[in-house]
C-alpha atoms as a PDB file:
ATOM      1  CA  MET A   1      11.303  15.081  -4.688  1.00  0.00           C
ATOM      2  CA  THR A   2      11.532  11.491  -4.624  1.00  0.00           C
ATOM      3  CA  GLU A   3      13.769   9.874  -7.704  1.00  0.00           C
ATOM      4  CA  PHE A   4      12.755   7.035  -8.779  1.00  0.00           C
ATOM      5  CA  PRO A   5      15.764   4.136  -9.873  1.00  0.00           C
ATOM      6  CA  GLN A   6      15.008   3.814 -14.072  1.00  0.00           C
ATOM      7  CA  ASN A   7      14.679   0.188 -14.884  1.00  0.00           C
ATOM      8  CA  PRO A   8      16.708  -2.270 -12.331  1.00  0.00           C
ATOM      9  CA  SER A   9      16.709  -5.756 -12.631  1.00  0.00           C
ATOM     10  CA  THR A  10      16.598  -6.884  -9.232  1.00  0.00           C
ATOM     11  CA  VAL A  11      13.887  -5.893  -6.463  1.00  0.00           C
ATOM     12  CA  TYR A  12      13.171  -5.769  -2.998  1.00  0.00           C
ATOM     13  CA  TYR A  13       9.602  -7.119  -1.621  1.00  0.00           C
ATOM     14  CA  PHE A  14       8.219  -6.467   1.217  1.00  0.00           C
ATOM     15  CA  GLY A  15       5.499  -8.452   1.800  1.00  0.00           C
ATOM     16  CA  THR A  16       3.995  -6.022   4.870  1.00  0.00           C
ATOM     17  CA  CYS A  17       1.834  -7.871   7.916  1.00  0.00           C
ATOM     18  CA  LEU A  18      -1.676  -8.193   6.992  1.00  0.00           C
ATOM     19  CA  SER A  19      -0.678  -9.240   3.181  1.00  0.00           C
ATOM     20  CA  ASP A  20       1.677 -12.160   4.834  1.00  0.00           C
ATOM     21  CA  MET A  21      -1.218 -12.940   7.020  1.00  0.00           C
ATOM     22  CA  ILE A  22      -5.301 -11.676   5.482  1.00  0.00           C
ATOM     23  CA  TYR A  23      -4.479 -10.957   1.649  1.00  0.00           C
ATOM     24  CA  PRO A  24      -2.172 -12.968   0.392  1.00  0.00           C
ATOM     25  CA  GLU A  25      -3.119 -12.905  -3.153  1.00  0.00           C
ATOM     26  CA  ALA A  26      -2.530  -9.198  -2.691  1.00  0.00           C
ATOM     27  CA  GLY A  27       0.787  -9.339  -2.000  1.00  0.00           C
ATOM     28  CA  LEU A  28       1.321 -12.333  -5.050  1.00  0.00           C
ATOM     29  CA  ALA A  29      -0.201 -10.089  -7.110  1.00  0.00           C
ATOM     30  CA  GLY A  30       1.866  -7.128  -6.841  1.00  0.00           C
ATOM     31  CA  ILE A  31       5.406  -9.733  -6.990  1.00  0.00           C
ATOM     32  CA  ARG A  32       3.735 -11.076 -10.099  1.00  0.00           C
ATOM     33  CA  LEU A  33       3.403  -7.677 -11.713  1.00  0.00           C
ATOM     34  CA  LEU A  34       7.099  -6.837 -10.906  1.00  0.00           C
ATOM     35  CA  GLN A  35       8.184  -9.999 -12.824  1.00  0.00           C
ATOM     36  CA  ARG A  36       6.372  -9.347 -15.717  1.00  0.00           C
ATOM     37  CA  GLU A  37       7.959  -6.451 -16.357  1.00  0.00           C
ATOM     38  CA  GLY A  38      11.367  -8.196 -16.254  1.00  0.00           C
ATOM     39  CA  VAL A  39      12.256  -8.073 -13.016  1.00  0.00           C
ATOM     40  CA  ASP A  40      14.422 -10.008  -9.780  1.00  0.00           C
ATOM     41  CA  VAL A  41      11.932 -10.348  -6.971  1.00  0.00           C
ATOM     42  CA  ILE A  42      13.749 -11.159  -3.935  1.00  0.00           C
ATOM     43  CA  TYR A  43      11.722 -11.848  -0.911  1.00  0.00           C
ATOM     44  CA  PRO A  44      13.296 -11.983   2.540  1.00  0.00           C
ATOM     45  CA  LYS A  45      12.221 -14.920   4.589  1.00  0.00           C
ATOM     46  CA  ARG A  46      13.483 -12.682   7.517  1.00  0.00           C
ATOM     47  CA  GLN A  47      11.092  -9.700   7.386  1.00  0.00           C
ATOM     48  CA  SER A  48       8.927  -8.714   9.681  1.00  0.00           C
ATOM     49  CA  CYS A  49       6.945  -5.353  10.784  1.00  0.00           C
ATOM     50  CA  CYS A  50       7.296  -2.458   9.561  1.00  0.00           C
ATOM     51  CA  GLY A  51       6.814  -1.093  13.408  1.00  0.00           C
ATOM     52  CA  GLN A  52       4.150   1.155  12.486  1.00  0.00           C
ATOM     53  CA  PRO A  53       2.057  -0.639  15.112  1.00  0.00           C
ATOM     54  CA  ALA A  54       5.307   0.227  18.169  1.00  0.00           C
ATOM     55  CA  TYR A  55       5.210   3.719  16.225  1.00  0.00           C
ATOM     56  CA  ASN A  56       1.792   4.626  16.650  1.00  0.00           C
ATOM     57  CA  SER A  57       1.170   3.572  19.773  1.00  0.00           C
ATOM     58  CA  GLY A  58       4.429   5.477  21.461  1.00  0.00           C
ATOM     59  CA  PHE A  59       7.058   2.619  22.482  1.00  0.00           C
ATOM     60  CA  PRO A  60       9.995   4.204  20.150  1.00  0.00           C
ATOM     61  CA  ASP A  61      12.541   1.314  21.788  1.00  0.00           C
ATOM     62  CA  GLU A  62      10.436  -1.546  19.720  1.00  0.00           C
ATOM     63  CA  ALA A  63       9.500   0.150  16.869  1.00  0.00           C
ATOM     64  CA  ARG A  64      13.881   0.750  16.607  1.00  0.00           C
ATOM     65  CA  ALA A  65      14.489  -3.396  16.658  1.00  0.00           C
ATOM     66  CA  VAL A  66      11.558  -3.925  14.695  1.00  0.00           C
ATOM     67  CA  ALA A  67      13.080  -1.930  12.068  1.00  0.00           C
ATOM     68  CA  LEU A  68      17.099  -2.244  12.642  1.00  0.00           C
ATOM     69  CA  ALA A  69      15.393  -6.100  11.769  1.00  0.00           C
ATOM     70  CA  GLN A  70      14.402  -5.200   8.390  1.00  0.00           C
ATOM     71  CA  VAL A  71      17.631  -3.016   7.423  1.00  0.00           C
ATOM     72  CA  LYS A  72      19.178  -6.081   8.265  1.00  0.00           C
ATOM     73  CA  ALA A  73      16.841  -8.614   6.654  1.00  0.00           C
ATOM     74  CA  PHE A  74      17.432  -6.664   3.328  1.00  0.00           C
ATOM     75  CA  ALA A  75      20.703  -5.336   3.659  1.00  0.00           C
ATOM     76  CA  GLY A  76      22.312  -8.017   0.848  1.00  0.00           C
ATOM     77  CA  SER A  77      22.606  -5.593  -1.588  1.00  0.00           C
ATOM     78  CA  ASN A  78      21.004  -1.704  -2.526  1.00  0.00           C
ATOM     79  CA  ALA A  79      19.114  -3.011  -5.109  1.00  0.00           C
ATOM     80  CA  PRO A  80      15.326  -0.969  -4.451  1.00  0.00           C
ATOM     81  CA  ILE A  81      12.017  -1.913  -1.490  1.00  0.00           C
ATOM     82  CA  VAL A  82       9.089  -2.244  -3.030  1.00  0.00           C
ATOM     83  CA  VAL A  83       5.898  -2.055  -0.309  1.00  0.00           C
ATOM     84  CA  PRO A  84       2.558  -2.978  -1.697  1.00  0.00           C
ATOM     85  CA  SER A  85       1.032  -0.704   0.753  1.00  0.00           C
ATOM     86  CA  GLY A  86       1.529   3.329   1.196  1.00  0.00           C
ATOM     87  CA  SER A  87       1.726   2.667   4.547  1.00  0.00           C
ATOM     88  CA  CYS A  88       3.904   0.841   5.794  1.00  0.00           C
ATOM     89  CA  ALA A  89       6.357   2.292   2.644  1.00  0.00           C
ATOM     90  CA  GLY A  90       5.958   6.429   4.376  1.00  0.00           C
ATOM     91  CA  MET A  91       6.637   3.728   8.297  1.00  0.00           C
ATOM     92  CA  MET A  92       9.819   3.040   6.626  1.00  0.00           C
ATOM     93  CA  ARG A  93      11.210   5.939   4.098  1.00  0.00           C
ATOM     94  CA  ILE A  94       9.157   9.459   6.394  1.00  0.00           C
ATOM     95  CA  HIS A  95       9.718   8.557  10.308  1.00  0.00           C
ATOM     96  CA  TYR A  96      12.658   5.369   9.870  1.00  0.00           C
ATOM     97  CA  PRO A  97      14.678   8.255   9.599  1.00  0.00           C
ATOM     98  CA  LEU A  98      12.931   9.649  12.305  1.00  0.00           C
ATOM     99  CA  LEU A  99      12.738   7.302  14.299  1.00  0.00           C
ATOM    100  CA  PHE A 100      16.938   7.440  14.589  1.00  0.00           C
ATOM    101  CA  GLU A 101      17.659  10.620  14.724  1.00  0.00           C
ATOM    102  CA  HIS A 102      19.431  10.489  17.271  1.00  0.00           C
ATOM    103  CA  GLU A 103      20.962   7.481  17.240  1.00  0.00           C
ATOM    104  CA  PRO A 104      24.475   5.828  16.143  1.00  0.00           C
ATOM    105  CA  GLU A 105      22.603   3.986  13.623  1.00  0.00           C
ATOM    106  CA  TYR A 106      20.914   6.945  11.026  1.00  0.00           C
ATOM    107  CA  PHE A 107      22.949   6.580   8.536  1.00  0.00           C
ATOM    108  CA  LYS A 108      22.588   3.082   8.465  1.00  0.00           C
ATOM    109  CA  VAL A 109      18.342   3.647   7.786  1.00  0.00           C
ATOM    110  CA  LYS A 110      18.773   6.324   5.845  1.00  0.00           C
ATOM    111  CA  ARG A 111      20.259   5.075   3.344  1.00  0.00           C
ATOM    112  CA  PHE A 112      17.968   2.324   3.656  1.00  0.00           C
ATOM    113  CA  SER A 113      14.804   4.747   3.940  1.00  0.00           C
ATOM    114  CA  GLU A 114      16.507   5.864   0.499  1.00  0.00           C
ATOM    115  CA  ARG A 115      15.483   2.468  -1.343  1.00  0.00           C
ATOM    116  CA  ILE A 116      11.471   1.839  -0.133  1.00  0.00           C
ATOM    117  CA  PHE A 117       8.862   2.963  -2.517  1.00  0.00           C
ATOM    118  CA  GLU A 118       5.856   2.086  -3.027  1.00  0.00           C
ATOM    119  CA  LEU A 119       4.010  -0.231  -6.022  1.00  0.00           C
ATOM    120  CA  THR A 120       2.007   2.084  -7.879  1.00  0.00           C
ATOM    121  CA  SER A 121       5.003   4.664  -8.248  1.00  0.00           C
ATOM    122  CA  PHE A 122       7.831   2.785  -8.926  1.00  0.00           C
ATOM    123  CA  LEU A 123       4.961   0.631 -10.968  1.00  0.00           C
ATOM    124  CA  ARG A 124       5.015   3.603 -12.608  1.00  0.00           C
ATOM    125  CA  HIS A 125       8.112   5.991 -12.873  1.00  0.00           C
ATOM    126  CA  SER A 126      10.467   3.369 -12.529  1.00  0.00           C
ATOM    127  CA  LEU A 127       9.179   0.464 -14.590  1.00  0.00           C
ATOM    128  CA  ASN A 128       7.279   2.431 -16.342  1.00  0.00           C
ATOM    129  CA  ALA A 129       4.332  -0.355 -16.858  1.00  0.00           C
ATOM    130  CA  THR A 130       1.580  -0.057 -19.540  1.00  0.00           C
ATOM    131  CA  TYR A 131      -1.251  -2.070 -19.001  1.00  0.00           C
ATOM    132  CA  THR A 132      -4.113  -3.369 -21.476  1.00  0.00           C
ATOM    133  CA  ASP A 133      -7.745  -4.483 -20.369  1.00  0.00           C
ATOM    134  CA  LYS A 134      -9.315  -8.174 -20.371  1.00  0.00           C
ATOM    135  CA  GLY A 135     -11.842  -7.217 -18.916  1.00  0.00           C
ATOM    136  CA  PRO A 136     -15.606  -6.621 -18.830  1.00  0.00           C
ATOM    137  CA  PRO A 137     -16.900  -3.232 -18.413  1.00  0.00           C
ATOM    138  CA  ILE A 138     -17.527  -2.584 -15.005  1.00  0.00           C
ATOM    139  CA  THR A 139     -17.457   0.703 -13.035  1.00  0.00           C
ATOM    140  CA  LEU A 140     -14.754   1.441  -9.620  1.00  0.00           C
ATOM    141  CA  THR A 141     -13.957   4.305  -7.244  1.00  0.00           C
ATOM    142  CA  TRP A 142     -10.568   4.523  -5.019  1.00  0.00           C
ATOM    143  CA  HIS A 143      -9.888   4.762  -2.184  1.00  0.00           C
ATOM    144  CA  SER A 144      -6.186   6.615  -1.084  1.00  0.00           C
ATOM    145  CA  SER A 145      -4.095   5.763   2.659  1.00  0.00           C
ATOM    146  CA  CYS A 146      -3.922   8.572   4.338  1.00  0.00           C
ATOM    147  CA  HIS A 147       0.183   7.840   4.511  1.00  0.00           C
ATOM    148  CA  ALA A 148       0.131   6.663   0.308  1.00  0.00           C
ATOM    149  CA  ARG A 149      -2.196  10.384   0.299  1.00  0.00           C
ATOM    150  CA  ARG A 150       0.332  12.713   2.233  1.00  0.00           C
ATOM    151  CA  GLU A 151       2.736  10.926   2.317  1.00  0.00           C
ATOM    152  CA  MET A 152       4.388   8.997  -0.517  1.00  0.00           C
ATOM    153  CA  ALA A 153       2.061  11.013  -2.408  1.00  0.00           C
ATOM    154  CA  CYS A 154       1.612   8.023  -4.569  1.00  0.00           C
ATOM    155  CA  THR A 155      -2.769   8.333  -4.966  1.00  0.00           C
ATOM    156  CA  GLU A 156      -2.604   9.847  -8.400  1.00  0.00           C
ATOM    157  CA  ASP A 157      -0.471   6.848  -9.615  1.00  0.00           C
ATOM    158  CA  SER A 158      -2.432   4.542  -8.801  1.00  0.00           C
ATOM    159  CA  LYS A 159      -4.962   6.353 -10.827  1.00  0.00           C
ATOM    160  CA  ALA A 160      -3.057   6.098 -13.804  1.00  0.00           C
ATOM    161  CA  LEU A 161      -2.069   2.737 -13.796  1.00  0.00           C
ATOM    162  CA  LEU A 162      -6.278   2.405 -13.354  1.00  0.00           C
ATOM    163  CA  ARG A 163      -6.504   4.883 -15.914  1.00  0.00           C
ATOM    164  CA  GLN A 164      -4.677   2.695 -17.914  1.00  0.00           C
ATOM    165  CA  LEU A 165      -7.224   0.021 -18.519  1.00  0.00           C
ATOM    166  CA  ALA A 166     -10.298   0.609 -20.900  1.00  0.00           C
ATOM    167  CA  ASN A 167     -12.724  -0.874 -19.783  1.00  0.00           C
ATOM    168  CA  VAL A 168     -12.325   0.834 -16.378  1.00  0.00           C
ATOM    169  CA  THR A 169     -15.023   3.808 -15.570  1.00  0.00           C
ATOM    170  CA  LEU A 170     -13.288   5.477 -12.611  1.00  0.00           C
ATOM    171  CA  VAL A 171     -15.820   8.175 -10.385  1.00  0.00           C
ATOM    172  CA  GLU A 172     -13.756   9.824  -8.259  1.00  0.00           C
ATOM    173  CA  LEU A 173     -15.663   9.976  -3.972  1.00  0.00           C
ATOM    174  CA  GLU A 174     -16.843  12.918  -3.196  1.00  0.00           C
ATOM    175  CA  ASN A 175     -14.538  13.496   0.548  1.00  0.00           C
ATOM    176  CA  GLU A 176     -11.234  10.972  -0.498  1.00  0.00           C
ATOM    177  CA  HIS A 177      -8.987  13.145   1.351  1.00  0.00           C
ATOM    178  CA  GLU A 178     -11.092  11.537   4.746  1.00  0.00           C
ATOM    179  CA  CYS A 179      -9.343   8.724   6.709  1.00  0.00           C
ATOM    180  CA  CYS A 180     -10.940   5.527   6.272  1.00  0.00           C
ATOM    181  CA  GLY A 181     -11.167   5.016  10.336  1.00  0.00           C
ATOM    182  CA  PHE A 182      -8.350   2.099  10.314  1.00  0.00           C
ATOM    183  CA  GLY A 183      -5.326   4.219  11.313  1.00  0.00           C
ATOM    184  CA  GLY A 184      -3.832   0.360  13.245  1.00  0.00           C
ATOM    185  CA  THR A 185      -4.445   1.178  17.270  1.00  0.00           C
ATOM    186  CA  PHE A 186      -6.665   3.570  15.634  1.00  0.00           C
ATOM    187  CA  SER A 187      -9.732   1.366  15.518  1.00  0.00           C
ATOM    188  CA  VAL A 188      -8.651  -0.773  18.991  1.00  0.00           C
ATOM    189  CA  LYS A 189      -7.958   1.891  21.218  1.00  0.00           C
ATOM    190  CA  ARG A 190     -11.220   3.971  19.686  1.00  0.00           C
ATOM    191  CA  PRO A 191     -13.712   1.646  18.169  1.00  0.00           C
ATOM    192  CA  GLU A 192     -16.607   4.540  18.820  1.00  0.00           C
ATOM    193  CA  ILE A 193     -14.777   6.720  16.622  1.00  0.00           C
ATOM    194  CA  SER A 194     -13.637   4.708  13.776  1.00  0.00           C
ATOM    195  CA  ALA A 195     -17.191   2.876  13.044  1.00  0.00           C
ATOM    196  CA  ALA A 196     -18.610   6.342  12.526  1.00  0.00           C
ATOM    197  CA  MET A 197     -14.940   6.981  10.026  1.00  0.00           C
ATOM    198  CA  VAL A 198     -16.020   3.587   8.338  1.00  0.00           C
ATOM    199  CA  LYS A 199     -19.474   4.416   7.867  1.00  0.00           C
ATOM    200  CA  ASP A 200     -18.792   8.515   5.974  1.00  0.00           C
ATOM    201  CA  LYS A 201     -15.991   6.777   4.189  1.00  0.00           C
ATOM    202  CA  VAL A 202     -18.780   3.505   3.090  1.00  0.00           C
ATOM    203  CA  ARG A 203     -21.768   6.417   2.725  1.00  0.00           C
ATOM    204  CA  ASP A 204     -19.437   7.580   0.513  1.00  0.00           C
ATOM    205  CA  ILE A 205     -18.705   4.921  -1.901  1.00  0.00           C
ATOM    206  CA  GLN A 206     -21.721   3.800  -2.193  1.00  0.00           C
ATOM    207  CA  GLY A 207     -22.790   7.394  -3.642  1.00  0.00           C
ATOM    208  CA  THR A 208     -21.057   6.528  -6.562  1.00  0.00           C
ATOM    209  CA  GLY A 209     -22.999   4.176  -8.097  1.00  0.00           C
ATOM    210  CA  ALA A 210     -19.354   1.941  -7.932  1.00  0.00           C
ATOM    211  CA  SER A 211     -19.933  -2.163  -8.071  1.00  0.00           C
ATOM    212  CA  ALA A 212     -15.900  -1.891  -6.593  1.00  0.00           C
ATOM    213  CA  TYR A 213     -13.549   0.029  -4.531  1.00  0.00           C
ATOM    214  CA  ILE A 214     -10.452  -0.104  -5.267  1.00  0.00           C
ATOM    215  CA  THR A 215      -6.914   0.308  -2.311  1.00  0.00           C
ATOM    216  CA  GLY A 216      -3.969   0.301  -2.000  1.00  0.00           C
ATOM    217  CA  ASP A 217      -3.720  -0.581   1.233  1.00  0.00           C
ATOM    218  CA  CYS A 218      -4.665  -3.421   2.952  1.00  0.00           C
ATOM    219  CA  GLY A 219      -5.618  -2.638   6.205  1.00  0.00           C
ATOM    220  CA  CYS A 220      -7.966   0.428   4.654  1.00  0.00           C
ATOM    221  CA  MET A 221      -9.858  -3.144   2.819  1.00  0.00           C
ATOM    222  CA  MET A 222     -10.393  -4.979   5.710  1.00  0.00           C
ATOM    223  CA  ASN A 223     -12.161  -2.178   8.001  1.00  0.00           C
ATOM    224  CA  ILE A 224     -14.290  -0.384   4.988  1.00  0.00           C
ATOM    225  CA  SER A 225     -15.162  -4.220   3.559  1.00  0.00           C
ATOM    226  CA  GLY A 226     -15.893  -5.865   6.610  1.00  0.00           C
ATOM    227  CA  HIS A 227     -18.611  -2.720   7.593  1.00  0.00           C
ATOM    228  CA  MET A 228     -19.736  -3.469   3.983  1.00  0.00           C
ATOM    229  CA  GLU A 229     -19.651  -7.209   4.494  1.00  0.00           C
ATOM    230  CA  SER A 230     -21.266  -6.424   7.974  1.00  0.00           C
ATOM    231  CA  GLY A 231     -24.069  -4.484   6.137  1.00  0.00           C
ATOM    232  CA  LYS A 232     -24.392  -6.877   3.142  1.00  0.00           C
ATOM    233  CA  ARG A 233     -23.277  -3.881   0.881  1.00  0.00           C
ATOM    234  CA  PRO A 234     -23.042  -6.163  -2.601  1.00  0.00           C
ATOM    235  CA  ILE A 235     -20.139  -3.764  -2.671  1.00  0.00           C
ATOM    236  CA  SER A 236     -16.574  -5.438  -3.735  1.00  0.00           C
ATOM    237  CA  GLY A 237     -13.055  -4.382  -2.275  1.00  0.00           C
ATOM    238  CA  HIS A 238      -9.663  -4.984  -3.930  1.00  0.00           C
ATOM    239  CA  HIS A 239      -6.597  -4.378  -3.889  1.00  0.00           C
ATOM    240  CA  ILE A 240      -4.453  -2.389  -7.336  1.00  0.00           C
ATOM    241  CA  ALA A 241      -2.171  -5.467  -7.336  1.00  0.00           C
ATOM    242  CA  GLU A 242      -4.541  -8.155  -7.495  1.00  0.00           C
ATOM    243  CA  PHE A 243      -7.250  -6.333  -9.056  1.00  0.00           C
ATOM    244  CA  ILE A 244      -4.944  -5.277 -12.228  1.00  0.00           C
ATOM    245  CA  LEU A 245      -3.101  -8.611 -12.448  1.00  0.00           C
ATOM    246  CA  GLU A 246      -6.902  -9.828 -12.797  1.00  0.00           C
ATOM    247  CA  ARG A 247      -7.850  -7.695 -15.224  1.00  0.00           C
ATOM    248  CA  ILE A 248      -4.818  -7.420 -18.096  1.00  0.00           C
ATOM    249  CA  HIS A 249      -5.176 -11.401 -17.536  1.00  0.00           C
ATOM    250  CA  GLY A 250      -8.683 -11.712 -18.833  1.00  0.00           C
END
């Protein structure tokens, strides 16, 4: 079971590639939610990718090189490293030690991995964040990425934060456990299968009657919203950090 540091004064923030390049508002919202709790947030400028694309594509040497670059970038202190993505957090916390299991850097990498926490779990368990909803009534649903659900086990933490919002009605997906079909490089290597999977996911979201869906991973959001937009479906997608920040500011 993950042990969460209690009320730390300082954290590092790993922004992720997709929030950096495509959804910067989501990345910034995560930082602001941490700062709202009185936490000093450090964003190392030399950070890059978590290495998951290379790792999943069968290039372990390249993935190790990327991983070691992150270990070096966050080496200033032993402060927690907060990640606004269950997928990237899962790679860094779970798979880095496996990737270096037979390498001389194993213990250094393992210490780094133990500092990794997904954003919503950290807000809930380390900072005990509470929110007052200032937005209008809305019905929405939640999509969890595979790694958030199966590796970081942060899905219930994300939902618990959403349930604090009094004017939000959260409707569960019928097949929440199913992948949206993105899978990073999977969607490029197996586009037909990926397209069929996201079609099923969008159908499930539509079946809830929600006007919006929330997720904690920008990769899933990019895939699902892309399919929504291509079919001109009026259901918007939001990263949970950006959604919560907007609701509590009114």
